[in-house]
Amino acid sequence: MAAAYFCGVSGPVLAASSETKPVSISFALMDDGKEVGCGAPLANLGTGHLSAKLHEARLYVYGFKLVDAKGKRTPVALEQSEWQYGDVALLDFKDARGGNSPCTPGNPAKNTTIVGKAPAGAYVGLEFSVGAPVETIVDGKPVSINHSNVETAPAPLDVVGMAWNWQAGRRFVTFEFDPETPVVKADGSKTRTWMVHIGSTACKGNPATGEIVACAHENRFSVALDRFDPKTQRVEFDLTRLLANSDIAADKGGAIGCMSALDDPECLAVFAALGLNLGDSAAGAGDAGKQTRPGLSPIFKVGATTPAKVVGAKQ
């Protein structure tokens, strides 16, 4: 692919002498080969190939870097806004109305685009991470990101629906599905929503006292796209792959769906789809919560910015 000329995001400081240009990186949510979002109906999900409604779809992303043909990484400086703080951004694929209607030009998803600046150059690839980092640099000072008070944190870290109760940490990935029939729990009772909540676990430290929190299982992962042109391409998150080996009509124990617990029967398949080790890959390996292969997450791929059809969109 020919080199793409564009600019991007990252550790928020760019050299004053550098010529910079804007960059816009689009994300899309995919299901069964089609773009979905807002309240769009979903199809062919999980081992039962079920239909469902999208109940929630949000994730934090950070550390965007543009990659040139020699492999050099250049950070993208994110614009600061209600969706972007430091080098962290929140993607939200639900519509602003919070209803059950698919996305349309008049009813778009809340936020599916990352915007920023980067030095002008010839770039051929993109790299970023999913999650909330321990901290980032804002105005030359380190600022806690993953563990901070959601009530006083700046946007987009102030979203209650993206916060864990444990050590004031954050959910990195929140996807929730309402299948066509209720979810049957291990005890025979039923519930409406099957969930995927990913965040750091086994954490120690009290952020309320200013103590840095350390987590044994980080559960962050990076995505490296060797060939990516933001002018003609977008980053796609594939729900079909995420749930390919999961039964969203049943829950065998623990939290409903997967909430990152090592002993949750549903988490093994979800973590594998994300490209994460749920537990240690071998006795004593110490790689629980680490990425199986850095840069590779099976649920992310490159797609065209102008798909043939968006589910629910007016053509």
Protein backbone atom coordinates (compact mmCIF):
# COMPACT_ATOMS: atom_id res chain seq x y z
CA MET A 1 0.00 0.00 0.00
CA ALA A 2 1.28 3.48 -0.74
CA ALA A 3 2.41 5.53 2.23
CA ALA A 4 -0.31 7.67 3.76
CA TYR A 5 0.38 11.26 4.70
CA PHE A 6 -1.41 12.22 7.87
CA CYS A 7 -0.99 13.17 11.49
CA GLY A 8 -2.14 11.78 14.77
CA VAL A 9 -2.21 11.43 18.54
CA SER A 10 -0.21 10.53 21.65
CA GLY A 11 1.79 11.51 24.66
CA PRO A 12 0.40 14.97 24.47
CA VAL A 13 3.59 16.93 23.68
CA LEU A 14 4.78 17.55 20.12
CA ALA A 15 7.99 19.33 19.18
CA ALA A 16 7.23 23.01 18.67
CA SER A 17 9.31 23.10 15.49
CA SER A 18 7.51 20.19 13.86
CA GLU A 19 4.96 20.79 11.15
CA THR A 20 1.78 19.09 12.29
CA LYS A 21 -1.36 18.04 10.52
CA PRO A 22 -4.72 16.82 11.82
CA VAL A 23 -5.61 13.15 11.91
CA SER A 24 -8.97 11.48 12.22
CA ILE A 25 -9.20 7.75 12.95
CA SER A 26 -12.62 6.15 12.55
CA PHE A 27 -13.85 3.07 14.39
CA ALA A 28 -16.79 0.84 13.50
CA LEU A 29 -18.66 -1.94 15.28
CA MET A 30 -19.25 -5.02 13.13
CA ASP A 31 -21.57 -8.01 13.43
CA ASP A 32 -22.11 -10.79 10.91
CA GLY A 33 -20.19 -8.83 8.28
CA LYS A 34 -22.25 -5.65 8.69
CA GLU A 35 -21.70 -2.37 10.50
CA VAL A 36 -23.95 -2.03 13.54
CA GLY A 37 -24.36 0.37 16.42
CA CYS A 38 -26.90 2.39 18.40
CA GLY A 39 -29.80 -0.01 19.03
CA ALA A 40 -29.27 -2.05 15.88
CA PRO A 41 -30.46 -5.67 15.95
CA LEU A 42 -27.59 -8.16 16.06
CA ALA A 43 -27.50 -11.55 14.37
CA ASN A 44 -25.54 -14.80 14.39
CA LEU A 45 -23.98 -14.24 17.81
CA GLY A 46 -22.20 -16.92 19.79
CA THR A 47 -22.32 -20.69 19.58
CA GLY A 48 -26.12 -20.58 19.26
CA HIS A 49 -25.98 -18.10 16.33
CA LEU A 50 -28.55 -15.98 18.16
CA SER A 51 -30.17 -12.66 17.47
CA ALA A 52 -29.85 -9.96 20.12
CA LYS A 53 -30.08 -6.25 20.83
CA LEU A 54 -27.04 -4.17 21.67
CA HIS A 55 -27.52 -2.98 25.25
CA GLU A 56 -24.14 -1.26 25.73
CA ALA A 57 -20.95 -0.79 23.69
CA ARG A 58 -18.09 1.31 25.07
CA LEU A 59 -14.32 1.01 25.39
CA TYR A 60 -11.32 3.12 26.36
CA VAL A 61 -8.41 3.37 23.93
CA TYR A 62 -5.09 5.13 24.37
CA GLY A 63 -1.50 5.55 23.24
CA PHE A 64 -2.12 6.11 19.52
CA LYS A 65 1.00 5.97 17.36
CA LEU A 66 1.55 6.28 13.65
CA VAL A 67 4.05 3.88 12.11
CA ASP A 68 6.29 4.61 9.13
CA ALA A 69 7.74 2.14 6.65
CA LYS A 70 10.84 1.65 8.83
CA GLY A 71 8.76 0.82 11.89
CA LYS A 72 9.29 4.13 13.69
CA ARG A 73 6.42 5.01 16.03
CA THR A 74 5.23 8.62 16.19
CA PRO A 75 2.74 9.53 18.94
CA VAL A 76 -0.54 11.24 18.12
CA ALA A 77 -1.48 14.22 20.33
CA LEU A 78 -5.19 13.92 21.04
CA GLU A 79 -7.42 16.96 21.02
CA GLN A 80 -8.76 17.52 24.52
CA SER A 81 -12.54 17.24 24.69
CA GLU A 82 -15.39 15.53 26.50
CA TRP A 83 -14.29 12.30 24.75
CA GLN A 84 -10.50 12.66 24.98
CA TYR A 85 -8.22 13.43 27.94
CA GLY A 86 -4.45 13.18 27.88
CA ASP A 87 -3.78 10.32 25.49
CA VAL A 88 -6.96 8.42 26.47
CA ALA A 89 -10.25 8.39 24.57
CA LEU A 90 -13.67 6.80 25.08
CA LEU A 91 -15.47 5.18 22.15
CA ASP A 92 -19.23 4.82 22.50
CA PHE A 93 -21.20 2.98 19.82
CA LYS A 94 -24.67 3.57 21.30
CA ASP A 95 -26.86 6.44 20.12
CA ALA A 96 -27.36 9.65 22.06
CA ARG A 97 -31.07 8.93 22.47
CA GLY A 98 -30.42 5.68 24.28
CA GLY A 99 -33.19 3.97 22.35
CA ASN A 100 -33.51 0.81 20.29
CA SER A 101 -33.15 2.35 16.83
CA PRO A 102 -30.22 1.49 14.55
CA CYS A 103 -27.71 4.20 13.69
CA THR A 104 -28.71 6.54 10.87
CA PRO A 105 -27.24 9.82 9.62
CA GLY A 106 -29.76 11.59 11.85
CA ASN A 107 -29.21 9.26 14.79
CA PRO A 108 -25.47 8.58 14.91
CA ALA A 109 -23.50 6.73 17.55
CA LYS A 110 -22.15 8.95 20.32
CA ASN A 111 -18.44 8.81 19.55
CA THR A 112 -16.62 6.61 17.04
CA THR A 113 -13.77 8.85 15.89
CA ILE A 114 -10.41 9.75 17.41
CA VAL A 115 -9.06 13.20 16.48
CA GLY A 116 -5.68 14.76 17.08
CA LYS A 117 -2.45 15.96 15.51
CA ALA A 118 0.92 14.49 14.61
CA PRO A 119 4.06 15.57 12.79
CA ALA A 120 3.66 15.53 9.02
CA GLY A 121 5.16 12.42 7.52
CA ALA A 122 4.71 9.27 5.49
CA TYR A 123 2.94 6.70 7.64
CA VAL A 124 1.77 3.24 6.70
CA GLY A 125 0.48 1.76 9.98
CA LEU A 126 -1.27 2.41 13.26
CA GLU A 127 -0.79 1.22 16.82
CA PHE A 128 -2.90 1.78 19.94
CA SER A 129 -3.94 0.07 23.15
CA VAL A 130 -7.28 -0.87 24.68
CA GLY A 131 -7.77 0.01 28.33
CA ALA A 132 -7.03 2.84 30.73
CA PRO A 133 -3.33 3.27 31.55
CA VAL A 134 -2.13 3.56 35.14
CA GLU A 135 -1.27 7.19 34.47
CA THR A 136 -0.52 9.64 31.68
CA ILE A 137 1.18 13.02 31.36
CA VAL A 138 -1.06 16.09 31.21
CA ASP A 139 0.49 19.58 31.15
CA GLY A 140 3.84 18.05 32.01
CA LYS A 141 2.58 16.26 35.13
CA PRO A 142 1.66 12.61 35.77
CA VAL A 143 -2.06 12.08 36.28
CA SER A 144 -3.69 8.87 37.53
CA ILE A 145 -6.03 7.44 34.92
CA ASN A 146 -7.19 3.92 35.72
CA HIS A 147 -7.71 4.54 39.43
CA SER A 148 -9.29 7.85 40.38
CA ASN A 149 -12.55 9.20 41.77
CA VAL A 150 -15.13 8.92 38.99
CA GLU A 151 -17.15 11.76 40.55
CA THR A 152 -14.32 14.28 40.26
CA ALA A 153 -12.39 12.90 37.27
CA PRO A 154 -12.36 14.89 34.01
CA ALA A 155 -14.38 13.65 31.04
CA PRO A 156 -14.35 10.99 29.67
CA LEU A 157 -13.10 9.38 32.90
CA ASP A 158 -16.23 10.52 34.76
CA VAL A 159 -18.56 7.94 33.19
CA VAL A 160 -20.10 5.96 36.03
CA GLY A 161 -21.04 3.12 33.68
CA MET A 162 -17.34 2.58 32.93
CA ALA A 163 -16.23 2.36 36.57
CA TRP A 164 -15.50 -0.73 38.69
CA ASN A 165 -16.42 -0.74 42.35
CA TRP A 166 -13.03 -2.25 43.19
CA GLN A 167 -10.25 0.23 44.09
CA ALA A 168 -12.05 2.92 42.04
CA GLY A 169 -10.74 1.36 38.82
CA ARG A 170 -12.28 1.53 35.39
CA ARG A 171 -13.82 -0.90 32.97
CA PHE A 172 -11.77 -0.90 29.81
CA VAL A 173 -14.35 -2.68 27.68
CA THR A 174 -18.11 -2.78 28.30
CA PHE A 175 -20.31 -4.73 25.90
CA GLU A 176 -23.78 -5.90 26.91
CA PHE A 177 -26.23 -7.95 24.87
CA ASP A 178 -29.93 -8.74 25.25
CA PRO A 179 -30.46 -12.07 23.42
CA GLU A 180 -33.82 -12.95 21.90
CA THR A 181 -34.57 -15.27 24.83
CA PRO A 182 -33.58 -14.63 28.47
CA VAL A 183 -30.19 -15.83 29.72
CA VAL A 184 -30.50 -19.02 31.79
CA LYS A 185 -28.27 -19.00 34.89
CA ALA A 186 -26.65 -22.04 36.52
CA ASP A 187 -29.40 -22.20 39.15
CA GLY A 188 -32.14 -22.20 36.51
CA SER A 189 -33.20 -18.59 37.05
CA LYS A 190 -33.22 -16.16 34.16
CA THR A 191 -31.86 -12.69 33.44
CA ARG A 192 -32.07 -10.29 30.52
CA THR A 193 -28.51 -9.20 29.72
CA TRP A 194 -25.26 -11.09 28.97
CA MET A 195 -22.23 -8.89 29.68
CA VAL A 196 -18.56 -8.49 28.80
CA HIS A 197 -16.79 -6.20 31.30
CA ILE A 198 -13.00 -6.11 31.06
CA GLY A 199 -10.76 -4.26 33.53
CA SER A 200 -7.71 -4.79 35.71
CA THR A 201 -8.17 -7.20 38.63
CA ALA A 202 -6.31 -8.34 41.76
CA CYS A 203 -5.51 -4.70 42.55
CA LYS A 204 -3.88 -3.34 45.72
CA GLY A 205 -3.63 0.23 46.94
CA ASN A 206 -5.98 3.01 47.99
CA PRO A 207 -6.36 5.79 45.41
CA ALA A 208 -8.37 7.86 47.91
CA THR A 209 -5.16 8.46 49.88
CA GLY A 210 -3.08 9.15 46.80
CA GLU A 211 -1.55 5.70 46.80
CA ILE A 212 -0.71 4.23 43.39
CA VAL A 213 -2.77 1.13 42.77
CA ALA A 214 -0.99 -1.92 41.37
CA CYS A 215 -2.93 -4.72 39.70
CA ALA A 216 -1.66 -8.28 39.28
CA HIS A 217 -3.82 -8.80 36.20
CA GLU A 218 -3.61 -5.73 33.98
CA ASN A 219 -5.93 -6.98 31.18
CA ARG A 220 -4.82 -4.25 28.77
CA PHE A 221 -3.85 -5.12 25.22
CA SER A 222 -2.34 -3.45 22.17
CA VAL A 223 -3.46 -3.46 18.54
CA ALA A 224 -0.91 -3.13 15.73
CA LEU A 225 -2.16 -2.58 12.17
CA ASP A 226 0.74 -2.87 9.72
CA ARG A 227 -1.21 -1.33 6.87
CA PHE A 228 -3.61 1.48 7.70
CA ASP A 229 -4.62 4.65 5.83
CA PRO A 230 -7.09 6.82 7.82
CA LYS A 231 -8.28 8.55 4.64
CA THR A 232 -9.73 5.36 3.19
CA GLN A 233 -9.79 2.89 6.07
CA ARG A 234 -11.17 2.48 9.57
CA VAL A 235 -10.58 0.22 12.57
CA GLU A 236 -13.31 -2.42 13.00
CA PHE A 237 -14.30 -4.23 16.20
CA ASP A 238 -15.88 -7.59 15.35
CA LEU A 239 -18.64 -8.74 17.73
CA THR A 240 -19.01 -12.01 15.84
CA ARG A 241 -15.42 -12.95 16.67
CA LEU A 242 -15.70 -11.68 20.24
CA LEU A 243 -18.56 -14.08 20.98
CA ALA A 244 -17.72 -16.90 18.54
CA ASN A 245 -17.12 -19.45 21.32
CA SER A 246 -19.55 -18.06 23.88
CA ASP A 247 -23.14 -19.10 24.58
CA ILE A 248 -24.93 -15.83 25.31
CA ALA A 249 -28.14 -17.68 26.20
CA ALA A 250 -26.58 -19.31 29.27
CA ASP A 251 -24.32 -18.56 32.21
CA LYS A 252 -22.58 -21.36 34.09
CA GLY A 253 -21.50 -19.38 37.13
CA GLY A 254 -19.98 -16.20 38.51
CA ALA A 255 -21.07 -12.87 37.07
CA ILE A 256 -23.49 -12.95 34.15
CA GLY A 257 -21.27 -13.24 31.09
CA CYS A 258 -17.65 -12.32 31.80
CA MET A 259 -16.46 -9.69 34.25
CA SER A 260 -12.76 -10.60 34.15
CA ALA A 261 -12.74 -13.10 37.02
CA LEU A 262 -10.23 -15.95 36.71
CA ASP A 263 -12.79 -18.51 37.93
CA ASP A 264 -15.64 -17.35 35.68
CA PRO A 265 -16.48 -20.13 33.16
CA GLU A 266 -17.47 -17.59 30.52
CA CYS A 267 -14.22 -15.61 30.64
CA LEU A 268 -11.87 -18.13 29.04
CA ALA A 269 -13.49 -17.83 25.59
CA VAL A 270 -13.91 -14.05 25.85
CA PHE A 271 -10.29 -13.46 26.86
CA ALA A 272 -9.04 -15.72 24.08
CA ALA A 273 -11.06 -13.71 21.56
CA LEU A 274 -9.53 -10.48 22.85
CA GLY A 275 -6.04 -11.98 22.67
CA LEU A 276 -5.50 -12.06 26.44
CA ASN A 277 -4.40 -14.76 28.86
CA LEU A 278 -7.09 -15.17 31.49
CA GLY A 279 -4.81 -17.14 33.82
CA ASP A 280 -1.17 -18.14 33.52
CA SER A 281 -0.41 -19.84 30.21
CA ALA A 282 1.63 -22.41 32.15
CA ALA A 283 2.34 -23.11 35.81
CA GLY A 284 4.42 -20.26 37.21
CA ALA A 285 4.44 -18.30 33.93
CA GLY A 286 3.16 -15.14 35.62
CA ASP A 287 1.44 -13.95 32.43
CA ALA A 288 -2.18 -13.88 33.60
CA GLY A 289 -3.80 -10.73 32.27
CA LYS A 290 -1.07 -10.28 29.67
CA GLN A 291 -1.53 -10.28 25.91
CA THR A 292 -0.87 -13.64 24.31
CA ARG A 293 0.90 -12.00 21.38
CA PRO A 294 1.68 -8.26 21.64
CA GLY A 295 -0.14 -6.21 19.04
CA LEU A 296 -2.51 -9.00 18.02
CA SER A 297 -6.17 -8.97 19.05
CA PRO A 298 -8.38 -11.16 16.84
CA ILE A 299 -11.43 -8.93 17.21
CA PHE A 300 -9.78 -5.91 15.53
CA LYS A 301 -9.19 -5.55 11.81
CA VAL A 302 -8.89 -2.91 9.09
CA GLY A 303 -11.96 -2.09 7.00
CA ALA A 304 -13.00 0.42 4.36
CA THR A 305 -14.40 3.77 5.50
CA THR A 306 -17.30 3.52 3.03
CA PRO A 307 -19.01 0.16 3.61
CA ALA A 308 -21.64 -0.97 1.13
CA LYS A 309 -24.36 -0.75 3.73
CA VAL A 310 -24.74 0.31 7.35
CA VAL A 311 -27.46 -1.57 9.22
CA GLY A 312 -30.43 0.74 9.57
CA ALA A 313 -28.86 3.58 7.61
CA LYS A 314 -30.68 5.36 4.82
CA GLN A 315 -28.96 4.74 1.51
